[in-house]
């Protein structure tokens, strides 16, 4: 690292907690979701009394992971507009500055850093749009998942009362109309999982890519909250 490099704050403690909570929850939901759709493993304990609860445990973990993602999605939506650290929505406004920055970051990626006409010390429009796409996919995933969940509460009752299924019906029944019924919702929910996995693969690749080509320690942001840039660009 150059002696003229200085640390720049890029992620708060809350942001890092949300990041890793999302990462762990998505991993748990993918593993358990695949099992719920098509059981591919069984209990390692050769006891039928234990083995019969494997599906129940998978559903429980899947539900807890989804609830965590629900909560973090609400927090992220709030922080997009009201964060005291940075307000990502400003990078989504399609003005001349943001469009130019988006294009320059994209060209930088496509040319393997041969051209870099933007300030990488702070959040850029390309990465902000990319993360916004992720949050949209995640919200749609959660809504379709909750519709599949409430579909199983055929009696209209739950352990916390009838208000909970009613709330879920009001919030998610539109997905039945848009996607052509319960089976369509299932297909969309499953397909979104693969889109989120693809998004995650590129996200990890791009963070490593930026760390290698920009030499600013971007990969350290999710661990310590900081990266390093030249003093005149901080």
C-alpha atoms as a PDB file:
ATOM      1  CA  UNK A   1       0.000   0.000   0.000  1.00  0.00           C
ATOM      2  CA  UNK A   2       1.277   3.438  -0.979  1.00  0.00           C
ATOM      3  CA  UNK A   3       2.431   5.685   1.851  1.00  0.00           C
ATOM      4  CA  UNK A   4       0.041   8.364   0.562  1.00  0.00           C
ATOM      5  CA  UNK A   5      -2.973   6.092   0.984  1.00  0.00           C
ATOM      6  CA  UNK A   6      -5.469   7.037   3.674  1.00  0.00           C
ATOM      7  CA  UNK A   7      -8.411   5.058   5.093  1.00  0.00           C
ATOM      8  CA  UNK A   8     -11.881   6.020   3.937  1.00  0.00           C
ATOM      9  CA  UNK A   9     -15.002   4.941   5.832  1.00  0.00           C
ATOM     10  CA  UNK A  10     -17.236   2.941   3.496  1.00  0.00           C
ATOM     11  CA  UNK A  11     -19.535   0.902   5.733  1.00  0.00           C
ATOM     12  CA  UNK A  12     -20.906   1.403   9.216  1.00  0.00           C
ATOM     13  CA  UNK A  13     -21.060  -1.279  11.900  1.00  0.00           C
ATOM     14  CA  UNK A  14     -24.808  -1.583  11.294  1.00  0.00           C
ATOM     15  CA  UNK A  15     -24.179  -2.004   7.568  1.00  0.00           C
ATOM     16  CA  UNK A  16     -21.692  -4.800   8.187  1.00  0.00           C
ATOM     17  CA  UNK A  17     -24.028  -6.588  10.594  1.00  0.00           C
ATOM     18  CA  UNK A  18     -26.825  -6.421   8.009  1.00  0.00           C
ATOM     19  CA  UNK A  19     -24.465  -7.616   5.262  1.00  0.00           C
ATOM     20  CA  UNK A  20     -23.380 -10.743   7.136  1.00  0.00           C
ATOM     21  CA  UNK A  21     -26.883 -11.416   8.487  1.00  0.00           C
ATOM     22  CA  UNK A  22     -28.138 -11.372   4.905  1.00  0.00           C
ATOM     23  CA  UNK A  23     -25.286 -13.565   3.659  1.00  0.00           C
ATOM     24  CA  UNK A  24     -25.846 -16.219   6.329  1.00  0.00           C
ATOM     25  CA  UNK A  25     -29.643 -16.084   5.977  1.00  0.00           C
ATOM     26  CA  UNK A  26     -29.531 -16.437   2.189  1.00  0.00           C
ATOM     27  CA  UNK A  27     -27.157 -19.399   2.452  1.00  0.00           C
ATOM     28  CA  UNK A  28     -29.439 -21.058   5.017  1.00  0.00           C
ATOM     29  CA  UNK A  29     -32.545 -20.375   2.929  1.00  0.00           C
ATOM     30  CA  UNK A  30     -30.974 -21.776  -0.244  1.00  0.00           C
ATOM     31  CA  UNK A  31     -29.863 -25.001   1.461  1.00  0.00           C
ATOM     32  CA  UNK A  32     -33.157 -25.559   3.261  1.00  0.00           C
ATOM     33  CA  UNK A  33     -35.286 -24.310   0.353  1.00  0.00           C
ATOM     34  CA  UNK A  34     -33.772 -26.859  -2.017  1.00  0.00           C
ATOM     35  CA  UNK A  35     -34.498 -29.552   0.559  1.00  0.00           C
ATOM     36  CA  UNK A  36     -38.102 -28.439   1.030  1.00  0.00           C
ATOM     37  CA  UNK A  37     -38.648 -28.538  -2.750  1.00  0.00           C
ATOM     38  CA  UNK A  38     -36.891 -31.857  -3.221  1.00  0.00           C
ATOM     39  CA  UNK A  39     -35.458 -33.601  -0.112  1.00  0.00           C
ATOM     40  CA  UNK A  40     -31.860 -34.529  -0.921  1.00  0.00           C
ATOM     41  CA  UNK A  41     -30.519 -35.563   2.465  1.00  0.00           C
ATOM     42  CA  UNK A  42     -31.798 -37.273   5.568  1.00  0.00           C
ATOM     43  CA  UNK A  43     -30.905 -37.344   9.229  1.00  0.00           C
ATOM     44  CA  UNK A  44     -27.574 -38.941  10.050  1.00  0.00           C
ATOM     45  CA  UNK A  45     -29.201 -40.430  13.155  1.00  0.00           C
ATOM     46  CA  UNK A  46     -30.606 -43.849  12.390  1.00  0.00           C
ATOM     47  CA  UNK A  47     -33.710 -43.267  14.477  1.00  0.00           C
ATOM     48  CA  UNK A  48     -37.093 -42.904  12.708  1.00  0.00           C
ATOM     49  CA  UNK A  49     -38.405 -40.864  15.648  1.00  0.00           C
ATOM     50  CA  UNK A  50     -35.738 -38.243  14.942  1.00  0.00           C
ATOM     51  CA  UNK A  51     -35.609 -38.601  11.175  1.00  0.00           C
ATOM     52  CA  UNK A  52     -39.255 -37.606  10.705  1.00  0.00           C
ATOM     53  CA  UNK A  53     -38.485 -34.129  12.033  1.00  0.00           C
ATOM     54  CA  UNK A  54     -35.834 -33.352   9.399  1.00  0.00           C
ATOM     55  CA  UNK A  55     -38.346 -31.592   7.121  1.00  0.00           C
ATOM     56  CA  UNK A  56     -39.758 -29.685  10.092  1.00  0.00           C
ATOM     57  CA  UNK A  57     -36.293 -28.446  11.093  1.00  0.00           C
ATOM     58  CA  UNK A  58     -35.573 -27.395   7.509  1.00  0.00           C
ATOM     59  CA  UNK A  59     -38.819 -25.459   7.337  1.00  0.00           C
ATOM     60  CA  UNK A  60     -38.057 -23.798  10.678  1.00  0.00           C
ATOM     61  CA  UNK A  61     -34.570 -22.691   9.575  1.00  0.00           C
ATOM     62  CA  UNK A  62     -35.973 -21.530   6.233  1.00  0.00           C
ATOM     63  CA  UNK A  63     -38.665 -19.487   7.970  1.00  0.00           C
ATOM     64  CA  UNK A  64     -36.249 -17.902  10.457  1.00  0.00           C
ATOM     65  CA  UNK A  65     -33.852 -16.996   7.632  1.00  0.00           C
ATOM     66  CA  UNK A  66     -36.733 -15.431   5.687  1.00  0.00           C
ATOM     67  CA  UNK A  67     -37.875 -13.408   8.702  1.00  0.00           C
ATOM     68  CA  UNK A  68     -34.331 -12.049   9.158  1.00  0.00           C
ATOM     69  CA  UNK A  69     -34.293 -11.043   5.494  1.00  0.00           C
ATOM     70  CA  UNK A  70     -37.716  -9.399   5.912  1.00  0.00           C
ATOM     71  CA  UNK A  71     -36.454  -7.296   8.802  1.00  0.00           C
ATOM     72  CA  UNK A  72     -33.177  -6.305   7.133  1.00  0.00           C
ATOM     73  CA  UNK A  73     -35.039  -5.405   3.920  1.00  0.00           C
ATOM     74  CA  UNK A  74     -37.198  -2.941   5.859  1.00  0.00           C
ATOM     75  CA  UNK A  75     -34.110  -1.466   7.536  1.00  0.00           C
ATOM     76  CA  UNK A  76     -32.269  -1.169   4.206  1.00  0.00           C
ATOM     77  CA  UNK A  77     -35.270   0.529   2.576  1.00  0.00           C
ATOM     78  CA  UNK A  78     -35.269   3.068   5.411  1.00  0.00           C
ATOM     79  CA  UNK A  79     -31.517   3.656   5.197  1.00  0.00           C
ATOM     80  CA  UNK A  80     -31.706   4.223   1.424  1.00  0.00           C
ATOM     81  CA  UNK A  81     -33.431   7.512   2.189  1.00  0.00           C
ATOM     82  CA  UNK A  82     -32.662   8.441   5.789  1.00  0.00           C
ATOM     83  CA  UNK A  83     -29.183   7.135   6.575  1.00  0.00           C
ATOM     84  CA  UNK A  84     -26.906   9.694   8.232  1.00  0.00           C
ATOM     85  CA  UNK A  85     -23.859   8.014   6.680  1.00  0.00           C
ATOM     86  CA  UNK A  86     -24.863   8.054   3.006  1.00  0.00           C
ATOM     87  CA  UNK A  87     -28.145   8.047   1.075  1.00  0.00           C
ATOM     88  CA  UNK A  88     -27.977   5.516  -1.806  1.00  0.00           C
ATOM     89  CA  UNK A  89     -31.142   6.841  -3.461  1.00  0.00           C
ATOM     90  CA  UNK A  90     -29.155   9.882  -4.622  1.00  0.00           C
ATOM     91  CA  UNK A  91     -27.050   7.596  -6.836  1.00  0.00           C
ATOM     92  CA  UNK A  92     -30.215   6.189  -8.447  1.00  0.00           C
ATOM     93  CA  UNK A  93     -31.444   9.530  -9.779  1.00  0.00           C
ATOM     94  CA  UNK A  94     -30.932   9.342 -13.595  1.00  0.00           C
ATOM     95  CA  UNK A  95     -29.200  12.702 -13.907  1.00  0.00           C
ATOM     96  CA  UNK A  96     -26.196  13.465 -16.112  1.00  0.00           C
ATOM     97  CA  UNK A  97     -23.635  12.937 -13.347  1.00  0.00           C
ATOM     98  CA  UNK A  98     -24.968   9.537 -12.275  1.00  0.00           C
ATOM     99  CA  UNK A  99     -25.427   8.265 -15.824  1.00  0.00           C
ATOM    100  CA  UNK A 100     -21.884   9.336 -16.719  1.00  0.00           C
ATOM    101  CA  UNK A 101     -20.467   7.679 -13.604  1.00  0.00           C
ATOM    102  CA  UNK A 102     -22.429   4.478 -14.257  1.00  0.00           C
ATOM    103  CA  UNK A 103     -21.006   4.299 -17.775  1.00  0.00           C
ATOM    104  CA  UNK A 104     -17.441   4.997 -16.663  1.00  0.00           C
ATOM    105  CA  UNK A 105     -17.558   2.293 -13.965  1.00  0.00           C
ATOM    106  CA  UNK A 106     -18.961  -0.168 -16.504  1.00  0.00           C
ATOM    107  CA  UNK A 107     -16.224   0.704 -19.021  1.00  0.00           C
ATOM    108  CA  UNK A 108     -13.641   0.345 -16.255  1.00  0.00           C
ATOM    109  CA  UNK A 109     -14.899  -3.176 -15.588  1.00  0.00           C
ATOM    110  CA  UNK A 110     -15.040  -4.162 -19.262  1.00  0.00           C
ATOM    111  CA  UNK A 111     -11.532  -2.825 -19.993  1.00  0.00           C
ATOM    112  CA  UNK A 112      -9.960  -4.374 -16.878  1.00  0.00           C
ATOM    113  CA  UNK A 113      -9.135  -0.996 -15.319  1.00  0.00           C
ATOM    114  CA  UNK A 114      -7.394   0.425 -18.411  1.00  0.00           C
ATOM    115  CA  UNK A 115      -9.649   3.471 -18.132  1.00  0.00           C
ATOM    116  CA  UNK A 116     -10.741   4.933 -14.813  1.00  0.00           C
ATOM    117  CA  UNK A 117     -12.448   8.319 -14.996  1.00  0.00           C
ATOM    118  CA  UNK A 118     -14.321   8.331 -11.697  1.00  0.00           C
ATOM    119  CA  UNK A 119     -13.657   8.597  -7.989  1.00  0.00           C
ATOM    120  CA  UNK A 120     -13.638   5.114  -6.444  1.00  0.00           C
ATOM    121  CA  UNK A 121     -13.264   6.400  -2.885  1.00  0.00           C
ATOM    122  CA  UNK A 122     -17.024   6.525  -2.410  1.00  0.00           C
ATOM    123  CA  UNK A 123     -20.123   4.622  -3.541  1.00  0.00           C
ATOM    124  CA  UNK A 124     -20.646   4.716  -7.320  1.00  0.00           C
ATOM    125  CA  UNK A 125     -23.830   4.564  -9.390  1.00  0.00           C
ATOM    126  CA  UNK A 126     -23.026   1.179 -10.950  1.00  0.00           C
ATOM    127  CA  UNK A 127     -22.651  -0.619  -7.631  1.00  0.00           C
ATOM    128  CA  UNK A 128     -25.680   1.157  -6.166  1.00  0.00           C
ATOM    129  CA  UNK A 129     -27.884   0.095  -9.084  1.00  0.00           C
ATOM    130  CA  UNK A 130     -26.520  -3.435  -8.823  1.00  0.00           C
ATOM    131  CA  UNK A 131     -27.416  -3.645  -5.128  1.00  0.00           C
ATOM    132  CA  UNK A 132     -30.837  -2.120  -5.779  1.00  0.00           C
ATOM    133  CA  UNK A 133     -31.546  -4.908  -8.280  1.00  0.00           C
ATOM    134  CA  UNK A 134     -30.602  -7.396  -5.554  1.00  0.00           C
ATOM    135  CA  UNK A 135     -32.985  -5.817  -3.064  1.00  0.00           C
ATOM    136  CA  UNK A 136     -35.822  -5.898  -5.622  1.00  0.00           C
ATOM    137  CA  UNK A 137     -35.149  -9.590  -6.287  1.00  0.00           C
ATOM    138  CA  UNK A 138     -35.041 -10.234  -2.544  1.00  0.00           C
ATOM    139  CA  UNK A 139     -38.331  -8.449  -1.879  1.00  0.00           C
ATOM    140  CA  UNK A 140     -40.065 -10.393  -4.662  1.00  0.00           C
ATOM    141  CA  UNK A 141     -38.553 -13.587  -3.273  1.00  0.00           C
ATOM    142  CA  UNK A 142     -39.908 -12.788   0.184  1.00  0.00           C
ATOM    143  CA  UNK A 143     -43.405 -11.942  -1.083  1.00  0.00           C
ATOM    144  CA  UNK A 144     -43.704 -15.138  -3.120  1.00  0.00           C
ATOM    145  CA  UNK A 145     -42.317 -17.123  -0.188  1.00  0.00           C
ATOM    146  CA  UNK A 146     -44.871 -15.646   2.198  1.00  0.00           C
ATOM    147  CA  UNK A 147     -47.646 -16.492  -0.275  1.00  0.00           C
ATOM    148  CA  UNK A 148     -46.485 -20.123  -0.313  1.00  0.00           C
ATOM    149  CA  UNK A 149     -46.401 -20.035   3.484  1.00  0.00           C
ATOM    150  CA  UNK A 150     -49.900 -18.628   3.919  1.00  0.00           C
ATOM    151  CA  UNK A 151     -51.211 -21.084   1.321  1.00  0.00           C
ATOM    152  CA  UNK A 152     -50.458 -23.810   3.875  1.00  0.00           C
ATOM    153  CA  UNK A 153     -52.622 -22.063   6.476  1.00  0.00           C
ATOM    154  CA  UNK A 154     -55.806 -23.209   4.768  1.00  0.00           C
ATOM    155  CA  UNK A 155     -57.881 -22.842   7.938  1.00  0.00           C
ATOM    156  CA  UNK A 156     -57.143 -19.118   8.094  1.00  0.00           C
ATOM    157  CA  UNK A 157     -55.731 -19.542  11.581  1.00  0.00           C
ATOM    158  CA  UNK A 158     -52.225 -19.518  13.035  1.00  0.00           C
ATOM    159  CA  UNK A 159     -50.588 -19.883  16.424  1.00  0.00           C
ATOM    160  CA  UNK A 160     -50.797 -16.101  16.891  1.00  0.00           C
ATOM    161  CA  UNK A 161     -54.368 -15.712  15.664  1.00  0.00           C
ATOM    162  CA  UNK A 162     -56.264 -15.069  12.446  1.00  0.00           C
ATOM    163  CA  UNK A 163     -54.769 -11.601  11.891  1.00  0.00           C
ATOM    164  CA  UNK A 164     -51.443 -13.033  10.687  1.00  0.00           C
ATOM    165  CA  UNK A 165     -52.820 -15.114   7.751  1.00  0.00           C
ATOM    166  CA  UNK A 166     -55.158 -12.226   6.876  1.00  0.00           C
ATOM    167  CA  UNK A 167     -52.224  -9.798   6.730  1.00  0.00           C
ATOM    168  CA  UNK A 168     -50.234 -12.175   4.510  1.00  0.00           C
ATOM    169  CA  UNK A 169     -53.195 -12.666   2.157  1.00  0.00           C
ATOM    170  CA  UNK A 170     -53.637  -8.915   1.793  1.00  0.00           C
ATOM    171  CA  UNK A 171     -49.909  -8.409   1.148  1.00  0.00           C
ATOM    172  CA  UNK A 172     -49.226 -11.350  -1.178  1.00  0.00           C
ATOM    173  CA  UNK A 173     -52.411 -12.665  -2.853  1.00  0.00           C
ATOM    174  CA  UNK A 174     -51.677 -10.423  -5.852  1.00  0.00           C
ATOM    175  CA  UNK A 175     -48.795 -12.768  -6.736  1.00  0.00           C
ATOM    176  CA  UNK A 176     -51.354 -15.503  -7.523  1.00  0.00           C
ATOM    177  CA  UNK A 177     -52.950 -13.274 -10.152  1.00  0.00           C
ATOM    178  CA  UNK A 178     -49.654 -12.008 -11.601  1.00  0.00           C
ATOM    179  CA  UNK A 179     -47.934 -15.409 -11.810  1.00  0.00           C
ATOM    180  CA  UNK A 180     -50.939 -17.556 -12.690  1.00  0.00           C
ATOM    181  CA  UNK A 181     -51.762 -19.353  -9.472  1.00  0.00           C
ATOM    182  CA  UNK A 182     -49.934 -21.213  -6.749  1.00  0.00           C
ATOM    183  CA  UNK A 183     -47.767 -23.242  -9.143  1.00  0.00           C
ATOM    184  CA  UNK A 184     -46.652 -20.070 -10.927  1.00  0.00           C
ATOM    185  CA  UNK A 185     -45.688 -18.540  -7.592  1.00  0.00           C
ATOM    186  CA  UNK A 186     -43.641 -21.649  -6.773  1.00  0.00           C
ATOM    187  CA  UNK A 187     -41.826 -21.480 -10.115  1.00  0.00           C
ATOM    188  CA  UNK A 188     -41.055 -17.766  -9.671  1.00  0.00           C
ATOM    189  CA  UNK A 189     -39.864 -18.325  -6.090  1.00  0.00           C
ATOM    190  CA  UNK A 190     -37.527 -21.111  -7.230  1.00  0.00           C
ATOM    191  CA  UNK A 191     -36.270 -19.160 -10.260  1.00  0.00           C
ATOM    192  CA  UNK A 192     -35.539 -16.096  -8.137  1.00  0.00           C
ATOM    193  CA  UNK A 193     -33.293 -18.260  -5.978  1.00  0.00           C
ATOM    194  CA  UNK A 194     -31.046 -18.947  -8.980  1.00  0.00           C
ATOM    195  CA  UNK A 195     -31.029 -15.265  -9.932  1.00  0.00           C
ATOM    196  CA  UNK A 196     -29.951 -14.348  -6.397  1.00  0.00           C
ATOM    197  CA  UNK A 197     -27.235 -17.021  -6.468  1.00  0.00           C
ATOM    198  CA  UNK A 198     -25.984 -15.628  -9.807  1.00  0.00           C
ATOM    199  CA  UNK A 199     -26.065 -12.091  -8.358  1.00  0.00           C
ATOM    200  CA  UNK A 200     -24.043 -13.241  -5.340  1.00  0.00           C
ATOM    201  CA  UNK A 201     -21.411 -14.947  -7.495  1.00  0.00           C
ATOM    202  CA  UNK A 202     -20.846 -11.787  -9.526  1.00  0.00           C
ATOM    203  CA  UNK A 203     -20.863  -9.656  -6.360  1.00  0.00           C
ATOM    204  CA  UNK A 204     -18.064 -11.733  -4.814  1.00  0.00           C
ATOM    205  CA  UNK A 205     -16.158 -11.759  -8.113  1.00  0.00           C
ATOM    206  CA  UNK A 206     -16.464  -7.991  -8.504  1.00  0.00           C
ATOM    207  CA  UNK A 207     -15.259  -7.272  -4.970  1.00  0.00           C
ATOM    208  CA  UNK A 208     -12.187  -9.432  -5.559  1.00  0.00           C
ATOM    209  CA  UNK A 209     -11.762  -7.829  -8.995  1.00  0.00           C
ATOM    210  CA  UNK A 210     -11.815  -4.313  -7.531  1.00  0.00           C
ATOM    211  CA  UNK A 211      -9.396  -5.323  -4.780  1.00  0.00           C
ATOM    212  CA  UNK A 212      -6.911  -6.644  -7.339  1.00  0.00           C
ATOM    213  CA  UNK A 213      -7.200  -3.917  -9.979  1.00  0.00           C
ATOM    214  CA  UNK A 214      -7.850  -0.817  -7.892  1.00  0.00           C
ATOM    215  CA  UNK A 215      -5.495  -1.819  -5.068  1.00  0.00           C
ATOM    216  CA  UNK A 216      -7.607   0.020  -2.540  1.00  0.00           C
ATOM    217  CA  UNK A 217      -8.496  -2.886  -0.254  1.00  0.00           C
ATOM    218  CA  UNK A 218     -12.197  -3.011  -1.214  1.00  0.00           C
ATOM    219  CA  UNK A 219     -12.598  -6.551   0.091  1.00  0.00           C
ATOM    220  CA  UNK A 220     -11.821  -5.279   3.609  1.00  0.00           C
ATOM    221  CA  UNK A 221     -14.901  -3.029   3.643  1.00  0.00           C
ATOM    222  CA  UNK A 222     -17.261  -5.770   4.897  1.00  0.00           C
ATOM    223  CA  UNK A 223     -14.813  -6.668   7.681  1.00  0.00           C
ATOM    224  CA  UNK A 224     -13.466  -3.355   8.973  1.00  0.00           C
ATOM    225  CA  UNK A 225     -15.703  -0.844   7.198  1.00  0.00           C
ATOM    226  CA  UNK A 226     -12.799   0.956   5.498  1.00  0.00           C
ATOM    227  CA  UNK A 227     -10.843   0.978   2.261  1.00  0.00           C
ATOM    228  CA  UNK A 228      -7.663   2.861   1.314  1.00  0.00           C
ATOM    229  CA  UNK A 229      -7.314   5.505  -1.396  1.00  0.00           C
ATOM    230  CA  UNK A 230      -4.769   8.123  -2.349  1.00  0.00           C
ATOM    231  CA  UNK A 231      -4.861  11.170  -0.118  1.00  0.00           C
ATOM    232  CA  UNK A 232      -5.890  13.507  -2.944  1.00  0.00           C
ATOM    233  CA  UNK A 233      -8.959  11.365  -3.734  1.00  0.00           C
ATOM    234  CA  UNK A 234     -10.213  10.814  -0.171  1.00  0.00           C
END
